[in-house]
Protein backbone atom coordinates (compact mmCIF):
# COMPACT_ATOMS: atom_id res chain seq x y z
CA MET A 1 0.08 -0.08 0.09
CA PRO A 2 1.26 3.47 -0.76
CA THR A 3 2.07 5.69 2.04
CA PRO A 4 -0.89 7.92 3.08
CA SER A 5 0.51 11.38 3.95
CA ARG A 6 3.20 13.74 3.79
CA SER A 7 3.60 14.04 7.47
CA GLY A 8 3.64 10.33 8.16
CA ALA A 9 1.18 11.00 10.88
CA ARG A 10 -0.88 8.05 9.95
CA PRO A 11 0.48 4.58 9.12
CA ALA A 12 -0.44 3.05 5.96
CA LEU A 13 -3.66 1.20 5.49
CA SER A 14 -3.69 -2.57 4.96
CA GLU A 15 -6.04 -3.90 2.05
CA ARG A 16 -7.99 -5.82 4.60
CA VAL A 17 -8.61 -2.83 6.93
CA LEU A 18 -9.43 -0.49 3.89
CA LEU A 19 -12.00 -2.98 2.55
CA THR A 20 -13.45 -3.66 5.78
CA VAL A 21 -14.18 0.05 6.43
CA ALA A 22 -14.97 0.86 2.87
CA ALA A 23 -17.46 -2.16 2.83
CA SER A 24 -19.00 -0.88 6.00
CA PHE A 25 -19.65 2.48 4.61
CA ALA A 26 -21.08 0.86 1.31
CA ALA A 27 -23.51 -1.30 3.35
CA LEU A 28 -24.84 1.68 5.35
CA GLU A 29 -25.63 3.27 2.10
CA GLY A 30 -27.08 0.14 0.52
CA TYR A 31 -29.38 -0.14 3.66
CA ASP A 32 -30.37 3.47 3.46
CA LEU A 33 -31.13 3.48 -0.17
CA SER A 34 -33.12 0.22 -0.15
CA SER A 35 -35.05 0.92 3.05
CA TYR A 36 -37.33 3.32 1.33
CA GLY A 37 -38.59 0.60 -1.18
CA ALA A 38 -38.96 -1.75 1.86
CA THR A 39 -41.26 0.56 3.71
CA VAL A 40 -43.24 2.07 0.83
CA PRO A 41 -46.14 -0.51 1.29
CA SER A 42 -46.34 0.44 4.89
CA LEU A 43 -46.12 4.36 4.17
CA LEU A 44 -48.99 3.92 1.91
CA ALA A 45 -51.11 1.96 4.69
CA ASP A 46 -50.24 4.47 7.55
CA PRO A 47 -53.08 7.11 7.60
CA ALA A 48 -51.05 9.64 9.54
CA MET A 49 -48.54 9.96 6.66
CA THR A 50 -51.21 10.48 3.91
CA VAL A 51 -49.33 9.00 0.96
CA SER A 52 -50.49 8.14 -2.41
CA ARG A 53 -48.64 6.12 -4.87
CA ALA A 54 -47.86 9.29 -7.00
CA THR A 55 -46.31 11.16 -3.99
CA ALA A 56 -44.25 8.17 -2.93
CA GLY A 57 -42.88 7.90 -6.31
CA THR A 58 -41.93 11.68 -6.07
CA VAL A 59 -40.15 11.12 -2.79
CA GLY A 60 -38.36 8.33 -4.32
CA SER A 61 -37.09 10.69 -7.05
CA LEU A 62 -36.24 13.19 -4.27
CA VAL A 63 -33.60 11.03 -3.04
CA ALA A 64 -32.12 10.71 -6.61
CA VAL A 65 -32.35 14.51 -6.83
CA GLY A 66 -30.15 14.60 -3.66
CA MET A 67 -27.75 11.97 -5.12
CA LEU A 68 -27.40 14.06 -8.24
CA VAL A 69 -26.37 17.07 -6.12
CA GLY A 70 -24.11 14.81 -4.02
CA ALA A 71 -22.39 13.36 -6.70
CA GLY A 72 -21.81 16.69 -8.46
CA CYS A 73 -20.15 17.84 -5.26
CA SER A 74 -17.96 14.88 -5.24
CA GLY A 75 -16.76 15.40 -8.75
CA ALA A 76 -16.14 19.08 -8.12
CA LEU A 77 -14.67 19.14 -4.69
CA THR A 78 -12.64 15.86 -4.62
CA ASN A 79 -9.48 17.57 -5.70
CA ARG A 80 -10.00 20.28 -3.18
CA LEU A 81 -11.04 18.48 -0.11
CA GLY A 82 -9.85 14.93 -0.60
CA PRO A 83 -11.92 11.88 -0.71
CA ARG A 84 -11.33 11.01 2.99
CA ARG A 85 -12.98 14.33 4.22
CA LEU A 86 -15.53 14.07 1.56
CA LEU A 87 -16.35 10.32 2.76
CA LEU A 88 -16.94 11.36 6.30
CA ILE A 89 -19.05 14.33 5.66
CA GLY A 90 -21.46 12.41 3.28
CA ALA A 91 -21.83 9.52 5.72
CA ALA A 92 -22.64 12.08 8.51
CA ALA A 93 -25.38 13.66 6.20
CA PHE A 94 -27.13 10.50 5.21
CA SER A 95 -27.08 8.95 8.78
CA LEU A 96 -28.53 12.32 10.11
CA GLY A 97 -31.31 12.26 7.36
CA MET A 98 -32.30 8.54 8.40
CA LEU A 99 -32.83 9.58 11.93
CA VAL A 100 -34.97 12.46 10.92
CA CYS A 101 -36.95 10.23 8.62
CA ALA A 102 -37.61 8.03 11.53
CA LEU A 103 -38.93 10.92 13.51
CA ALA A 104 -40.88 12.77 10.72
CA PRO A 105 -44.37 13.67 11.89
CA SER A 106 -45.44 14.38 8.07
CA PHE A 107 -44.73 13.13 4.82
CA LEU A 108 -43.46 16.40 3.86
CA LEU A 109 -40.73 16.45 6.53
CA PHE A 110 -40.05 12.83 5.65
CA GLY A 111 -39.55 13.68 1.73
CA ALA A 112 -37.21 16.63 2.94
CA ALA A 113 -35.22 14.19 5.06
CA ARG A 114 -34.91 11.80 2.27
CA LEU A 115 -33.30 14.60 0.02
CA VAL A 116 -30.75 15.03 2.55
CA VAL A 117 -30.22 11.18 2.75
CA GLY A 118 -29.74 11.30 -1.00
CA ILE A 119 -27.26 14.26 -0.89
CA GLY A 120 -25.15 12.16 1.63
CA LEU A 121 -25.56 9.20 -0.55
CA GLY A 122 -24.53 10.96 -3.66
CA VAL A 123 -21.36 12.30 -1.99
CA VAL A 124 -20.28 8.75 -0.51
CA LEU A 125 -20.60 6.56 -3.52
CA PRO A 126 -18.23 7.95 -5.96
CA THR A 127 -16.14 9.09 -3.51
CA LEU A 128 -15.70 5.82 -1.87
CA THR A 129 -15.35 4.13 -5.31
CA GLY A 130 -12.57 6.41 -6.23
CA TYR A 131 -10.80 5.99 -2.90
CA VAL A 132 -10.60 2.31 -2.91
CA ALA A 133 -9.25 2.40 -6.48
CA ASP A 134 -6.69 4.99 -5.30
CA LEU A 135 -5.60 2.78 -2.57
CA SER A 136 -5.60 -0.53 -4.71
CA GLY A 137 -2.83 -2.00 -6.69
CA GLU A 138 -3.15 -2.10 -10.37
CA GLY A 139 -4.63 -5.26 -11.41
CA ARG A 140 -6.92 -5.33 -8.32
CA ARG A 141 -8.93 -2.40 -8.80
CA SER A 142 -12.04 -3.90 -10.06
CA ARG A 143 -11.92 -6.81 -7.66
CA ASN A 144 -11.61 -4.51 -4.52
CA VAL A 145 -14.38 -2.30 -6.05
CA GLY A 146 -16.51 -5.39 -6.31
CA LEU A 147 -15.64 -6.51 -2.77
CA MET A 148 -16.24 -2.95 -1.31
CA MET A 149 -19.69 -2.98 -3.15
CA ALA A 150 -20.67 -6.27 -1.99
CA GLY A 151 -20.98 -4.50 1.20
CA TYR A 152 -23.58 -2.34 -0.33
CA ALA A 153 -25.29 -5.16 -1.48
CA THR A 154 -25.52 -6.74 1.96
CA GLY A 155 -26.73 -3.47 3.35
CA ALA A 156 -29.53 -3.33 0.67
CA LEU A 157 -30.39 -6.85 1.44
CA LEU A 158 -30.80 -6.24 5.25
CA ALA A 159 -33.58 -3.53 4.77
CA PRO A 160 -36.03 -6.24 2.90
CA LEU A 161 -35.24 -8.76 5.44
CA ILE A 162 -35.66 -6.58 8.52
CA GLY A 163 -39.00 -5.32 6.91
CA ALA A 164 -39.93 -8.90 6.25
CA ALA A 165 -39.47 -9.59 10.06
CA LEU A 166 -40.99 -6.46 11.48
CA LEU A 167 -43.53 -5.22 9.09
CA PRO A 168 -46.64 -4.95 9.07
CA GLY A 169 -46.49 -5.85 12.90
CA ALA A 170 -44.05 -3.04 13.98
CA SER A 171 -43.73 0.69 13.02
CA TRP A 172 -41.87 1.38 9.68
CA ARG A 173 -39.76 4.01 11.66
CA TRP A 174 -37.66 1.33 13.08
CA ILE A 175 -36.35 0.53 9.66
CA TYR A 176 -34.79 3.98 9.61
CA VAL A 177 -33.54 3.89 13.14
CA LEU A 178 -31.60 0.95 12.22
CA GLY A 179 -30.10 2.72 9.12
CA GLY A 180 -29.02 5.92 11.19
CA LEU A 181 -27.69 4.54 14.37
CA PRO A 182 -24.71 2.50 13.32
CA ALA A 183 -22.91 5.36 11.83
CA ILE A 184 -22.67 6.81 15.52
CA LEU A 185 -19.93 4.11 15.93
CA LEU A 186 -18.45 3.80 12.48
CA LEU A 187 -17.87 7.58 11.88
CA PRO A 188 -15.39 8.10 14.78
CA VAL A 189 -13.70 4.90 14.15
CA ALA A 190 -13.23 5.54 10.40
CA ALA A 191 -12.15 9.32 11.09
CA ARG A 192 -9.53 7.87 13.23
CA ILE A 193 -7.96 5.22 11.17
CA LEU A 194 -8.66 6.03 7.43
CA THR A 195 -5.67 7.98 5.56
CA GLU A 196 -5.86 10.26 2.83
CA SER A 197 -5.59 9.11 -0.87
CA PRO A 198 -1.97 9.13 -2.22
CA VAL A 199 -3.43 10.17 -5.55
CA HIS A 200 -4.96 13.15 -3.98
CA LEU A 201 -1.94 14.01 -2.28
CA ARG A 202 -0.09 13.83 -5.62
CA ARG A 203 -2.70 15.83 -7.62
CA SER A 204 -3.33 18.78 -4.92
CA GLY A 205 -3.12 22.07 -6.19
CA HIS A 206 -3.89 21.17 -9.96
CA GLY A 207 -7.23 22.58 -10.84
CA GLY A 208 -9.78 20.81 -13.20
CA GLY A 209 -11.45 23.63 -14.92
CA LEU A 210 -15.17 24.24 -14.61
CA LEU A 211 -16.11 22.20 -11.49
CA GLY A 212 -13.72 19.41 -12.95
CA LEU A 213 -15.70 19.09 -16.21
CA ALA A 214 -12.97 20.61 -18.47
CA PRO A 215 -10.67 17.52 -18.46
CA LEU A 216 -13.31 15.11 -18.83
CA LEU A 217 -14.77 16.70 -22.06
CA SER A 218 -11.33 17.43 -23.57
CA ARG A 219 -10.15 15.64 -26.86
CA GLY A 220 -9.35 12.00 -26.19
CA VAL A 221 -11.43 11.80 -23.24
CA ARG A 222 -14.86 13.26 -24.38
CA ALA A 223 -16.11 10.08 -26.06
CA ALA A 224 -15.55 7.76 -23.23
CA THR A 225 -16.90 10.35 -20.62
CA LEU A 226 -20.30 10.89 -22.70
CA LEU A 227 -20.78 7.14 -23.02
CA PHE A 228 -20.08 6.49 -19.43
CA TRP A 229 -22.78 8.99 -18.72
CA VAL A 230 -25.33 7.18 -20.75
CA ALA A 231 -24.47 3.85 -19.25
CA SER A 232 -24.70 5.36 -15.90
CA PHE A 233 -27.94 6.78 -16.51
CA CYS A 234 -29.42 3.52 -17.62
CA GLY A 235 -27.90 1.75 -14.59
CA LEU A 236 -29.20 3.93 -11.85
CA LEU A 237 -32.66 4.20 -13.72
CA LEU A 238 -32.99 0.59 -13.35
CA VAL A 239 -31.70 0.49 -9.65
CA PHE A 240 -33.98 3.29 -8.47
CA ALA A 241 -37.11 2.15 -10.35
CA VAL A 242 -36.88 -1.58 -9.38
CA GLY A 243 -35.51 -0.70 -5.70
CA THR A 244 -38.42 1.55 -5.09
CA TRP A 245 -41.25 -0.34 -6.67
CA LEU A 246 -40.34 -4.01 -6.71
CA PRO A 247 -42.34 -5.00 -3.31
CA THR A 248 -45.10 -2.89 -4.48
CA ILE A 249 -45.19 -4.50 -7.90
CA MET A 250 -44.90 -7.99 -6.41
CA GLN A 251 -47.93 -7.23 -4.28
CA ALA A 252 -49.99 -5.89 -7.14
CA SER A 253 -49.01 -9.16 -8.85
CA GLY A 254 -50.79 -11.00 -5.94
CA TYR A 255 -47.87 -11.75 -3.54
CA SER A 256 -48.13 -10.99 0.18
CA ILE A 257 -45.77 -8.18 1.54
CA GLY A 258 -43.76 -10.73 3.22
CA SER A 259 -43.10 -12.72 0.14
CA ALA A 260 -42.36 -9.75 -1.98
CA LEU A 261 -39.85 -8.46 0.39
CA LEU A 262 -38.05 -11.84 0.45
CA GLN A 263 -38.13 -11.74 -3.54
CA THR A 264 -36.34 -8.28 -3.28
CA ALA A 265 -33.75 -9.66 -0.56
CA VAL A 266 -33.12 -12.60 -3.12
CA MET A 267 -32.53 -9.83 -5.72
CA TRP A 268 -29.86 -8.07 -3.63
CA VAL A 269 -28.31 -11.51 -2.86
CA GLY A 270 -27.78 -11.80 -6.49
CA ALA A 271 -26.40 -8.43 -6.62
CA GLY A 272 -23.84 -8.99 -4.21
CA ALA A 273 -22.60 -12.26 -6.05
CA GLY A 274 -22.52 -10.49 -9.19
CA MET A 275 -20.38 -7.58 -7.76
CA VAL A 276 -17.83 -10.06 -6.08
CA ALA A 277 -17.74 -12.48 -9.25
CA GLY A 278 -17.87 -9.76 -11.75
CA GLY A 279 -15.01 -7.79 -10.17
CA ARG A 280 -12.96 -11.04 -10.11
CA ILE A 281 -13.53 -12.02 -13.57
CA ALA A 282 -13.04 -8.23 -14.86
CA ASP A 283 -9.46 -8.31 -13.28
CA GLY A 284 -8.68 -11.20 -15.53
CA ILE A 285 -10.58 -10.65 -18.84
CA GLY A 286 -11.15 -6.96 -18.80
CA ILE A 287 -14.13 -5.23 -17.45
CA LYS A 288 -15.92 -3.92 -20.73
CA PRO A 289 -17.39 -7.33 -21.49
CA VAL A 290 -18.36 -8.12 -17.91
CA VAL A 291 -20.51 -4.84 -17.72
CA VAL A 292 -22.07 -5.61 -21.12
CA VAL A 293 -23.13 -8.96 -20.01
CA ALA A 294 -24.51 -7.83 -16.76
CA PHE A 295 -26.86 -5.16 -18.57
CA LEU A 296 -28.20 -8.03 -21.17
CA VAL A 297 -28.70 -10.39 -18.21
CA GLY A 298 -30.71 -7.78 -16.26
CA SER A 299 -32.83 -7.04 -19.18
CA ALA A 300 -33.66 -10.68 -20.04
CA SER A 301 -34.58 -11.33 -16.35
CA LEU A 302 -36.94 -8.57 -16.21
CA LEU A 303 -38.78 -9.74 -19.23
CA GLY A 304 -38.76 -13.38 -17.81
CA MET A 305 -40.61 -11.83 -14.77
CA SER A 306 -43.42 -10.42 -16.83
CA LEU A 307 -44.31 -13.87 -17.72
CA ARG A 308 -45.40 -14.55 -14.21
CA PRO A 309 -43.31 -17.74 -13.88
CA PRO A 310 -43.61 -20.43 -11.01
CA LEU A 311 -42.43 -19.16 -7.69
CA VAL A 312 -39.14 -21.20 -7.90
CA ALA A 313 -38.34 -19.87 -11.36
CA LEU A 314 -39.45 -16.23 -10.17
CA PHE A 315 -37.00 -16.42 -7.22
CA LEU A 316 -34.28 -17.58 -9.64
CA LEU A 317 -35.05 -14.65 -11.87
CA MET A 318 -34.91 -12.40 -9.00
CA PHE A 319 -31.54 -13.51 -8.15
CA VAL A 320 -30.24 -13.12 -11.87
CA SER A 321 -31.82 -9.75 -12.14
CA GLY A 322 -29.96 -8.32 -9.05
CA LEU A 323 -26.86 -9.90 -10.60
CA GLY A 324 -27.47 -8.14 -13.91
CA PHE A 325 -29.06 -4.66 -13.50
CA ILE A 326 -27.55 -4.03 -10.16
CA GLY A 327 -24.36 -5.45 -10.54
CA SER A 328 -24.17 -3.80 -14.00
CA GLN A 329 -24.39 -0.19 -12.26
CA VAL A 330 -21.59 -1.23 -9.87
CA LEU A 331 -19.59 -2.69 -12.61
CA THR A 332 -19.84 0.43 -14.48
CA ASN A 333 -18.45 2.22 -11.72
CA ALA A 334 -15.30 0.02 -11.67
CA PHE A 335 -15.20 0.47 -15.35
CA ILE A 336 -14.95 4.34 -14.93
CA VAL A 337 -12.33 4.16 -12.32
CA THR A 338 -10.08 1.79 -14.29
CA ARG A 339 -10.51 3.48 -17.74
CA TYR A 340 -9.91 7.01 -16.87
CA PRO A 341 -6.06 7.81 -15.63
CA GLU A 342 -5.72 8.44 -12.12
CA GLN A 343 -5.71 12.12 -12.17
CA LEU A 344 -9.23 12.12 -13.66
CA ARG A 345 -10.56 9.30 -11.78
CA GLY A 346 -12.31 11.13 -8.76
CA ALA A 347 -14.01 13.77 -10.99
CA GLY A 348 -14.74 10.99 -13.61
CA ILE A 349 -16.72 8.83 -11.17
CA GLY A 350 -18.34 11.72 -9.51
CA TRP A 351 -19.76 13.40 -12.70
CA ALA A 352 -20.79 10.07 -14.23
CA LEU A 353 -22.90 9.26 -11.03
CA SER A 354 -24.23 12.65 -11.04
CA VAL A 355 -25.46 12.81 -14.73
CA GLY A 356 -26.62 9.19 -14.03
CA ARG A 357 -28.80 10.61 -11.18
CA LEU A 358 -31.04 12.00 -14.03
CA GLY A 359 -32.06 8.24 -14.44
CA ALA A 360 -32.45 7.64 -10.81
CA ILE A 361 -34.87 10.79 -10.83
CA LEU A 362 -36.77 9.60 -13.88
CA GLY A 363 -36.99 5.67 -12.73
CA PRO A 364 -39.14 5.89 -9.56
CA SER A 365 -41.51 8.39 -11.22
CA MET A 366 -41.86 6.02 -14.34
CA GLY A 367 -42.76 3.39 -11.86
CA GLY A 368 -45.28 5.33 -9.97
CA TRP A 369 -46.90 6.55 -13.34
CA ILE A 370 -47.32 3.01 -14.62
CA LEU A 371 -48.72 1.74 -11.19
CA SER A 372 -51.25 4.46 -11.11
CA SER A 373 -52.15 4.01 -14.90
CA ARG A 374 -54.57 1.40 -16.30
CA LEU A 375 -51.57 -0.40 -17.79
CA GLY A 376 -51.01 -3.69 -16.61
CA VAL A 377 -48.20 -4.34 -13.88
CA GLN A 378 -46.16 -6.19 -16.53
CA TRP A 379 -45.56 -3.07 -18.41
CA ASN A 380 -43.04 -2.33 -15.41
CA PHE A 381 -41.03 -5.01 -16.68
CA TYR A 382 -41.26 -4.22 -20.53
CA LEU A 383 -40.21 -0.60 -19.96
CA PHE A 384 -37.47 -1.21 -17.48
CA ALA A 385 -35.78 -3.79 -19.90
CA VAL A 386 -35.32 -0.93 -22.44
CA PRO A 387 -32.71 1.06 -20.48
CA GLY A 388 -30.68 -2.32 -19.89
CA LEU A 389 -30.40 -2.77 -23.61
CA ILE A 390 -29.25 0.94 -24.19
CA GLY A 391 -26.79 0.51 -21.16
CA ALA A 392 -25.29 -2.43 -22.76
CA LEU A 393 -24.52 -0.63 -26.19
CA ALA A 394 -23.26 2.26 -24.40
CA ALA A 395 -20.68 0.30 -22.33
CA ALA A 396 -19.76 -1.70 -25.54
CA ALA A 397 -18.88 1.39 -27.48
CA VAL A 398 -16.45 3.00 -24.71
CA PRO A 399 -13.24 3.59 -26.24
CA ALA A 400 -9.79 3.89 -24.66
CA VAL A 401 -8.85 7.29 -23.12
CA LEU A 402 -6.40 8.32 -25.75
CA ALA A 403 -4.93 11.63 -24.50
CA TYR A 404 -5.48 14.07 -21.71
CA ARG A 405 -3.60 17.38 -22.14
CA GLY A 406 -3.76 18.74 -18.58
CA ARG A 407 -1.04 19.89 -16.08
CA LEU A 408 -0.27 16.33 -15.00
CA PRO A 409 1.13 13.48 -17.18
CA VAL A 410 -1.26 10.99 -18.82
CA ASP A 411 -1.04 7.32 -17.57
CA ALA A 412 -1.63 4.55 -20.09
CA PRO A 413 -4.91 2.77 -19.73
CA PRO A 414 -4.37 0.36 -16.89
CA ALA A 415 -3.42 -3.13 -17.55
CA ASN A 416 -6.64 -4.41 -16.14
CA SER A 417 -8.89 -2.17 -18.11
CA PRO A 418 -8.08 -3.12 -21.72
CA ALA A 419 -9.25 -1.15 -24.54
CA SER A 420 -10.97 -3.99 -26.40
C-alpha cells in the first residue's frame, strides 16, 4: 500500500482494513437506499402520513435528486477537499437524514429528510469508489471495488429482510432508526484510522477547470465520458426504479408483503454475488465485456418476470436480475475508475454518477406513473428492460482514453482495463 500522507502521522492502511471500512460505509449506503422501497407499502397504509402512489414515487425521486447534487459535489470537490474528508461528511449527512426520517411527523418532512439522505449518499458512493481504487494496486482495482460494493449489496439486502421480519406488525420507523444509528459507531472509528488518498496528495493544487468537467470533455477523453454518462443513466434508472417499486409491484401481482420483500432480498443476494464475481472476472478478462453481459442479463431477467413464472423460477429470476441490473451499475463504476487516468478518476466517477442520477430521478417516477395508470403491472418489466439494452450498447462502445492534455502527465490505460 502507498504511504498515505506527507507528514507520516498516519500509518499506511492494509488492504484488509481498507476493504472492511469501505464495505461498512457501502453497507450503510445500501441499507439506507433500499430502506425506502421496503417501507413504501407500509407508508401507503399509514393514515397519519397520507401517502399516495404518486407522492411516494415523487419522494423516491427526491432521493435521486439529492444524489445528483451530492455526486456533482463529489466530482467538483474531491480534488479540493480530498476523498477522506468528503466520505466522512457524506456519511454523516445520510445518517442524520435517516434519523430524521424515523422521527418525521409528516410526509413533507419525511421527503425533505430523504433529500438530505440522497445528498449524503450521492457524495459517498463516487468518493468511496474512487478512494478504494486509489489505494488498490493495479490489477486489483475491479476486484476491490466489487468486494467493497458487496457490502453495499449486503446492506441493501438487510432492509427488506428486516422489513419482512418487522412489518407490518411493527412501525416502519424502526427501519430508519436501524439505518441511522450504526454511523454513530463507524464515523469516529473511520475518522481515526482512514488515511488520505495518495493520488489526492499527488494531484493537490492542480485544478480541473469548470467544476472538474473541462478535462473530462477534452479531446481524447470526451467520447468515453459521454458514453459513461449514458451507461450510468441507464444503470441508475434501473436500480432506483426497481429498488423503489419492486415490493409494491409484486404485491400488485398477488404476492403477500412478506413474500414480496423476500423476493427483493433474493435480488440483492444476486447483486452481491454479481459484484464479487464480476469484479474478479473483470480483473482477468477486462471489465468492458463483463459490464455489457450484466446489462443484457438484467434486461432478460426482467422480461422473464413479466411472464408470471412459477414461484421457484421467479426467485431464480430475482437472483439473476440483481446480478444483472444492479451488478451492471456497480461494475460500470469500476469500469470508470479503471479506464480514466488517475488524475481524472475522482472527477470522472463523480460526474458520471451525477449525470446518472437523472435516470435515478426518472426511474421511480416512471414506476409510479405505470402503477397509477390503467396499464398492466407487466409494463413495468417491459419498459425497464429497455434501459438495460441501451446501457449494454453504451458500455460496449466506450473507447480507450487516448490523451489528456492537462497539467499532469497522462497514464496509459491500466492493464486491467484493456481497450477492447
